[in-house]
């Protein structure tokens, strides 16, 4: 946070960082899909137990 606070516009720096992270995540996901790699996607409406269930199923645990 100290580095962000030293920028001329911390809010814009965070906003840009968030956009970059979303773009990177989408690129990784698309690469997985294009290479037939199964992905797990977590959405805000999933409860903790449901998230763990999906992970267990994904890794056949």
Protein backbone atom coordinates (compact mmCIF):
# COMPACT_ATOMS: atom_id res chain seq x y z
CA UNK A 1 0.00 0.00 0.00
CA UNK A 2 2.89 2.38 0.67
CA UNK A 3 3.94 2.19 -2.97
CA UNK A 4 0.39 2.88 -4.18
CA UNK A 5 0.07 5.84 -1.81
CA UNK A 6 3.25 7.34 -3.30
CA UNK A 7 1.69 7.50 -6.78
CA UNK A 8 0.09 10.72 -7.98
CA UNK A 9 -3.39 9.13 -8.04
CA UNK A 10 -3.68 6.09 -5.73
CA UNK A 11 -7.33 5.42 -6.63
CA UNK A 12 -6.51 5.34 -10.35
CA UNK A 13 -3.52 3.10 -9.68
CA UNK A 14 -5.74 0.58 -7.87
CA UNK A 15 -8.40 0.79 -10.60
CA UNK A 16 -5.78 0.12 -13.29
CA UNK A 17 -4.33 -2.77 -11.26
CA UNK A 18 -7.77 -4.34 -10.93
CA UNK A 19 -8.37 -4.08 -14.68
CA UNK A 20 -4.98 -5.65 -15.36
CA UNK A 21 -5.72 -8.53 -12.98
CA UNK A 22 -9.10 -9.18 -14.63
CA UNK A 23 -7.49 -9.14 -18.09
CA UNK A 24 -4.78 -11.55 -16.95
CA UNK A 25 -7.36 -13.88 -15.37
CA UNK A 26 -9.38 -13.90 -18.59
CA UNK A 27 -6.29 -14.65 -20.65
CA UNK A 28 -5.39 -17.60 -18.39
CA UNK A 29 -8.97 -18.91 -18.53
CA UNK A 30 -9.11 -18.61 -22.32
CA UNK A 31 -5.77 -20.38 -22.67
CA UNK A 32 -7.07 -23.22 -20.50
CA UNK A 33 -10.27 -23.51 -22.52
CA UNK A 34 -8.33 -23.44 -25.81
CA UNK A 35 -6.07 -26.25 -24.56
CA UNK A 36 -8.91 -28.37 -23.13
CA UNK A 37 -7.80 -27.79 -19.55
CA UNK A 38 -10.70 -28.04 -17.14
CA UNK A 39 -11.23 -24.90 -15.08
CA UNK A 40 -13.09 -24.10 -11.90
CA UNK A 41 -14.84 -20.79 -11.60
CA UNK A 42 -15.88 -19.38 -8.27
CA UNK A 43 -18.81 -17.00 -8.17
CA UNK A 44 -19.90 -14.79 -5.28
CA UNK A 45 -23.12 -16.75 -4.80
CA UNK A 46 -21.28 -20.01 -3.97
CA UNK A 47 -21.12 -20.85 -0.28
CA UNK A 48 -17.92 -22.07 1.34
CA UNK A 49 -19.07 -25.69 1.50
CA UNK A 50 -20.13 -25.64 -2.14
CA UNK A 51 -16.72 -24.21 -3.14
CA UNK A 52 -14.95 -27.02 -1.26
CA UNK A 53 -17.26 -29.59 -2.85
CA UNK A 54 -16.42 -28.31 -6.33
CA UNK A 55 -12.68 -28.41 -5.59
CA UNK A 56 -12.95 -31.97 -4.22
CA UNK A 57 -14.88 -33.07 -7.31
CA UNK A 58 -12.44 -31.30 -9.63
CA UNK A 59 -9.45 -33.07 -8.09
CA UNK A 60 -11.36 -36.33 -7.48
CA UNK A 61 -10.70 -36.19 -3.74
